[in-house]
Amino acid sequence: MALRDRSELANAKRVVVKVGSSSISGANESKIELLVDALAKSHGRGVEVILVSSGAIATGLPLLGMETKPDDLATSQALASVGQSRLISRYQQSLERFGIVAGQVLLTSGDLEAAETRENAKRAMNKLVSLRVLPIVNENDTVATQEIRFGDNDRLAALVAVLVEADALILLSDVDALYDMPPTKPDAKRIDTVKFGEDLSNVEIGGSSTNVGTGGAVTKVSAAKVATESGVSVLLTNTDQVSLALDGAEVGTWFEAGKN
């Protein structure tokens, strides 16, 4: 059942949290601890938390002596293969502080399109959370093709939230909320709430400005539309405020869900 307001996040039963590559890699690698602290706090009060985490390719870059994402698919796949194991290891090491076990779930868009694999993915994640495991979902970039070049985990997170019938989806960004224009502009104003079906054509929405991410506000707004149309409320904020968000504080931009 969709939450009516962000304040209800503190009492949510099941929440999907999505974090992007730039928020937990490179200079921001230490923010994994901050993120895990917040997830563990919610987990400790009984919330079923599912994390959708980008970052495999970004994590693999320094391990293979590279600075920016390559253009060719084969190298991207190799980076994902190397980086994914290191990424999940970092999460598990941090989760050990709270006695929480992580479960890795790698998906492609095709897995959520076919009925059999979609149901299997849902069953697996339901079982993991029932065992008090924290599922960490990522796109299977090692075998994905088009997704590496054009896709983004914001959409994957929305599809996962719908699949597992989450109460809400929290999309974490480098920016604390959605603004009516790029927040670097002096006249930019934070949008507190987006009503279901609200026209955002007058909002100047940009893409990613980092050399490791593939999203930006445009993919998050698109993902929010996917989720809210299926009855899942969405909060957009930054990684620094994830704990406040999960506690139901007045942060970020709240996207109201439609009735499903």
Protein backbone atom coordinates (compact mmCIF):
# COMPACT_ATOMS: atom_id res chain seq x y z
CA MET A 1 0.00 0.00 0.00
CA ALA A 2 1.42 3.38 -1.03
CA LEU A 3 2.50 5.78 1.66
CA ARG A 4 0.56 9.03 1.76
CA ASP A 5 3.44 11.18 2.96
CA ARG A 6 7.20 10.99 3.54
CA SER A 7 6.60 11.07 7.29
CA GLU A 8 5.21 7.52 7.02
CA LEU A 9 8.59 6.19 5.86
CA ALA A 10 9.58 5.66 9.49
CA ASN A 11 6.82 3.05 9.79
CA ALA A 12 7.14 1.47 6.36
CA LYS A 13 7.22 -2.31 6.15
CA ARG A 14 9.31 -2.62 2.97
CA VAL A 15 11.49 0.02 1.30
CA VAL A 16 13.74 -0.10 -1.76
CA VAL A 17 16.73 2.27 -1.66
CA LYS A 18 18.75 3.05 -4.80
CA VAL A 19 22.23 4.58 -4.74
CA GLY A 20 24.23 5.69 -7.77
CA SER A 21 27.84 5.08 -8.74
CA SER A 22 29.10 8.58 -8.01
CA SER A 23 27.69 8.48 -4.48
CA ILE A 24 29.67 5.43 -3.30
CA SER A 25 32.81 5.28 -5.46
CA GLY A 26 35.96 7.31 -5.97
CA ALA A 27 36.15 10.25 -3.57
CA ASN A 28 32.80 9.19 -2.10
CA GLU A 29 33.74 5.59 -1.36
CA SER A 30 33.61 6.31 2.37
CA LYS A 31 29.90 7.10 2.06
CA ILE A 32 29.21 3.38 1.93
CA GLU A 33 29.59 3.49 5.72
CA LEU A 34 27.06 6.32 6.02
CA LEU A 35 24.63 4.47 3.77
CA VAL A 36 25.03 1.19 5.63
CA ASP A 37 24.53 2.96 8.98
CA ALA A 38 21.16 4.24 7.77
CA LEU A 39 20.07 0.93 6.25
CA ALA A 40 21.09 -0.98 9.37
CA LYS A 41 19.10 1.41 11.55
CA SER A 42 15.93 0.74 9.55
CA HIS A 43 16.70 -2.96 9.35
CA GLY A 44 17.07 -3.01 13.12
CA ARG A 45 13.55 -1.69 13.67
CA GLY A 46 12.10 -4.38 11.41
CA VAL A 47 11.93 -2.68 8.04
CA GLU A 48 12.51 -4.98 5.08
CA VAL A 49 15.19 -3.08 3.15
CA ILE A 50 16.30 -3.84 -0.39
CA LEU A 51 19.27 -1.90 -1.76
CA VAL A 52 19.72 -1.30 -5.47
CA SER A 53 23.33 -0.24 -5.90
CA SER A 54 25.15 0.92 -8.99
CA GLY A 55 28.92 1.08 -8.89
CA ALA A 56 30.38 -2.12 -10.34
CA ILE A 57 32.03 -0.43 -13.31
CA ALA A 58 33.09 2.62 -11.29
CA THR A 59 34.60 0.38 -8.62
CA GLY A 60 36.48 -1.60 -11.26
CA LEU A 61 38.07 1.45 -12.91
CA PRO A 62 40.95 2.07 -10.43
CA LEU A 63 41.48 -1.67 -10.01
CA LEU A 64 42.35 -1.88 -13.71
CA GLY A 65 44.20 1.43 -13.82
CA MET A 66 41.52 3.41 -15.65
CA GLU A 67 40.02 6.83 -14.87
CA THR A 68 36.91 7.05 -17.04
CA LYS A 69 34.34 4.65 -18.42
CA PRO A 70 35.45 3.11 -21.72
CA ASP A 71 33.38 3.30 -24.89
CA ASP A 72 33.63 -0.34 -25.86
CA LEU A 73 31.28 -2.95 -24.45
CA ALA A 74 33.87 -5.68 -23.77
CA THR A 75 35.97 -3.46 -21.49
CA SER A 76 32.83 -2.27 -19.66
CA GLN A 77 31.85 -5.89 -19.09
CA ALA A 78 35.34 -6.70 -17.78
CA LEU A 79 35.24 -3.73 -15.42
CA ALA A 80 31.83 -4.78 -14.13
CA SER A 81 33.08 -8.30 -13.50
CA VAL A 82 36.07 -7.08 -11.50
CA GLY A 83 34.23 -4.28 -9.72
CA GLN A 84 31.09 -6.15 -8.68
CA SER A 85 32.88 -8.58 -6.39
CA ARG A 86 34.84 -5.75 -4.76
CA LEU A 87 31.68 -3.66 -4.36
CA ILE A 88 29.69 -6.39 -2.63
CA SER A 89 32.71 -7.12 -0.43
CA ARG A 90 32.80 -3.49 0.72
CA TYR A 91 29.13 -3.59 1.59
CA GLN A 92 29.43 -6.86 3.48
CA GLN A 93 32.45 -5.65 5.41
CA SER A 94 30.50 -2.59 6.53
CA LEU A 95 27.38 -4.62 7.34
CA GLU A 96 29.43 -6.93 9.58
CA ARG A 97 29.40 -4.14 12.18
CA PHE A 98 25.67 -4.80 12.62
CA GLY A 99 25.64 -8.55 12.12
CA ILE A 100 23.71 -8.20 8.85
CA VAL A 101 24.28 -10.56 5.94
CA ALA A 102 24.08 -9.22 2.38
CA GLY A 103 22.64 -11.20 -0.51
CA GLN A 104 23.72 -10.35 -4.06
CA VAL A 105 21.03 -10.23 -6.76
CA LEU A 106 22.13 -9.48 -10.33
CA LEU A 107 19.42 -8.78 -12.89
CA THR A 108 19.01 -7.71 -16.50
CA SER A 109 15.93 -6.01 -17.88
CA GLY A 110 15.04 -9.28 -19.57
CA ASP A 111 14.80 -11.00 -16.19
CA LEU A 112 11.97 -8.65 -15.23
CA GLU A 113 10.18 -8.90 -18.57
CA ALA A 114 9.75 -12.69 -18.82
CA ALA A 115 7.07 -14.05 -16.48
CA GLU A 116 9.08 -17.02 -15.21
CA THR A 117 12.29 -15.15 -14.37
CA ARG A 118 10.32 -12.20 -13.00
CA GLU A 119 8.45 -14.44 -10.57
CA ASN A 120 11.68 -16.21 -9.66
CA ALA A 121 13.38 -12.89 -8.86
CA LYS A 122 10.43 -11.84 -6.71
CA ARG A 123 10.42 -15.14 -4.85
CA ALA A 124 14.16 -14.93 -4.21
CA MET A 125 14.02 -11.40 -2.80
CA ASN A 126 10.98 -12.19 -0.67
CA LYS A 127 12.83 -15.15 0.81
CA LEU A 128 15.97 -13.11 1.45
CA VAL A 129 14.13 -10.40 3.40
CA SER A 130 12.16 -13.04 5.33
CA LEU A 131 15.52 -14.45 6.45
CA ARG A 132 16.55 -10.90 7.51
CA VAL A 133 19.13 -10.76 4.74
CA LEU A 134 19.72 -7.40 3.03
CA PRO A 135 19.44 -7.98 -0.75
CA ILE A 136 21.83 -5.84 -2.81
CA VAL A 137 20.58 -5.62 -6.38
CA ASN A 138 22.56 -4.46 -9.38
CA GLU A 139 22.17 -4.73 -13.09
CA ASN A 140 24.16 -7.68 -14.43
CA ASP A 141 26.51 -5.50 -16.44
CA THR A 142 28.90 -8.35 -17.19
CA VAL A 143 26.38 -9.95 -19.54
CA ALA A 144 24.14 -6.97 -20.31
CA THR A 145 24.48 -5.27 -23.68
CA GLN A 146 22.32 -2.24 -24.36
CA GLU A 147 21.83 -1.57 -20.64
CA ILE A 148 25.46 -0.62 -20.08
CA ARG A 149 25.35 1.98 -22.84
CA PHE A 150 21.88 3.43 -22.39
CA GLY A 151 20.29 2.07 -19.23
CA ASP A 152 20.41 3.16 -15.64
CA ASN A 153 19.66 1.55 -12.31
CA ASP A 154 17.03 4.17 -11.49
CA ARG A 155 14.62 2.32 -13.77
CA LEU A 156 15.77 -1.02 -12.40
CA ALA A 157 15.09 0.23 -8.87
CA ALA A 158 11.59 1.33 -9.84
CA LEU A 159 10.86 -2.05 -11.43
CA VAL A 160 12.20 -3.87 -8.37
CA ALA A 161 10.09 -1.69 -6.05
CA VAL A 162 6.99 -2.53 -8.07
CA LEU A 163 7.94 -6.21 -8.25
CA VAL A 164 8.34 -6.67 -4.50
CA GLU A 165 5.37 -4.41 -3.72
CA ALA A 166 7.45 -1.99 -1.67
CA ASP A 167 5.80 0.74 0.36
CA ALA A 168 8.22 3.28 -1.08
CA LEU A 169 11.28 3.80 -3.24
CA ILE A 170 14.07 6.16 -2.14
CA LEU A 171 16.26 7.39 -5.00
CA LEU A 172 19.57 8.76 -3.78
CA SER A 173 21.38 11.35 -5.85
CA ASP A 174 24.25 13.82 -5.57
CA VAL A 175 21.58 16.54 -5.29
CA ASP A 176 19.32 16.83 -2.25
CA ALA A 177 16.05 17.14 -4.19
CA LEU A 178 14.44 17.93 -7.53
CA TYR A 179 14.68 21.60 -8.48
CA ASP A 180 12.75 23.62 -11.02
CA MET A 181 16.04 24.26 -12.81
CA PRO A 182 19.64 23.04 -12.34
CA PRO A 183 20.45 23.69 -8.65
CA THR A 184 23.69 25.43 -9.64
CA LYS A 185 21.57 28.34 -10.88
CA PRO A 186 20.97 31.02 -8.23
CA ASP A 187 17.19 31.15 -8.80
CA ALA A 188 16.68 27.39 -8.52
CA LYS A 189 13.88 26.37 -6.13
CA ARG A 190 13.45 23.01 -4.47
CA ILE A 191 10.28 21.13 -5.38
CA ASP A 192 8.86 19.72 -2.14
CA THR A 193 6.12 17.50 -3.58
CA VAL A 194 5.12 16.24 -7.01
CA LYS A 195 1.45 15.34 -7.19
CA PHE A 196 0.55 12.14 -9.03
CA GLY A 197 0.24 12.91 -12.72
CA GLU A 198 1.59 16.45 -12.30
CA ASP A 199 2.97 18.02 -15.46
CA LEU A 200 6.70 18.68 -15.09
CA SER A 201 7.22 20.08 -18.58
CA ASN A 202 8.08 23.49 -17.10
CA VAL A 203 10.86 21.97 -14.98
CA GLU A 204 14.37 22.14 -16.43
CA ILE A 205 15.61 18.60 -15.79
CA GLY A 206 19.22 17.65 -16.53
CA GLY A 207 21.25 14.47 -16.91
CA SER A 208 24.30 13.16 -15.09
CA SER A 209 27.31 15.46 -14.77
CA THR A 210 29.74 12.83 -13.49
CA ASN A 211 32.18 10.66 -15.41
CA VAL A 212 31.01 7.46 -13.70
CA GLY A 213 27.22 7.80 -13.49
CA THR A 214 24.71 7.33 -16.29
CA GLY A 215 21.63 8.92 -14.77
CA GLY A 216 20.88 12.31 -13.37
CA ALA A 217 17.55 13.95 -12.57
CA VAL A 218 16.00 12.96 -15.89
CA THR A 219 16.26 9.21 -15.21
CA LYS A 220 15.10 9.65 -11.63
CA VAL A 221 11.98 11.52 -12.67
CA SER A 222 11.32 8.84 -15.27
CA ALA A 223 11.81 6.10 -12.66
CA ALA A 224 9.52 7.92 -10.24
CA LYS A 225 6.83 7.91 -12.92
CA VAL A 226 7.18 4.13 -13.36
CA ALA A 227 6.92 3.52 -9.62
CA THR A 228 4.11 5.94 -8.80
CA GLU A 229 1.97 4.70 -11.68
CA SER A 230 2.12 1.27 -10.03
CA GLY A 231 1.25 2.60 -6.59
CA VAL A 232 4.73 2.98 -5.09
CA SER A 233 5.57 6.36 -3.53
CA VAL A 234 9.01 7.83 -4.24
CA LEU A 235 11.39 10.11 -2.36
CA LEU A 236 14.31 11.74 -4.15
CA THR A 237 17.15 13.07 -2.02
CA ASN A 238 20.91 12.77 -1.64
CA THR A 239 23.01 10.12 0.05
CA ASP A 240 23.97 12.39 2.93
CA GLN A 241 20.31 12.57 3.98
CA VAL A 242 19.42 8.89 3.64
CA SER A 243 19.10 8.38 7.40
CA LEU A 244 16.77 11.38 7.71
CA ALA A 245 14.78 10.12 4.73
CA LEU A 246 14.27 6.68 6.23
CA ASP A 247 13.21 8.33 9.49
CA GLY A 248 10.47 10.27 7.67
CA ALA A 249 12.06 13.72 7.90
CA GLU A 250 11.02 16.60 5.64
CA VAL A 251 13.83 16.21 3.12
CA GLY A 252 14.06 15.79 -0.63
CA THR A 253 11.21 15.70 -3.13
CA TRP A 254 8.21 13.46 -2.52
CA PHE A 255 6.45 11.91 -5.52
CA GLU A 256 2.88 10.93 -4.64
CA ALA A 257 1.76 7.53 -5.88
CA GLY A 258 -1.43 6.82 -7.75
CA LYS A 259 -4.01 4.40 -6.43
CA ASN A 260 -3.22 0.87 -7.52
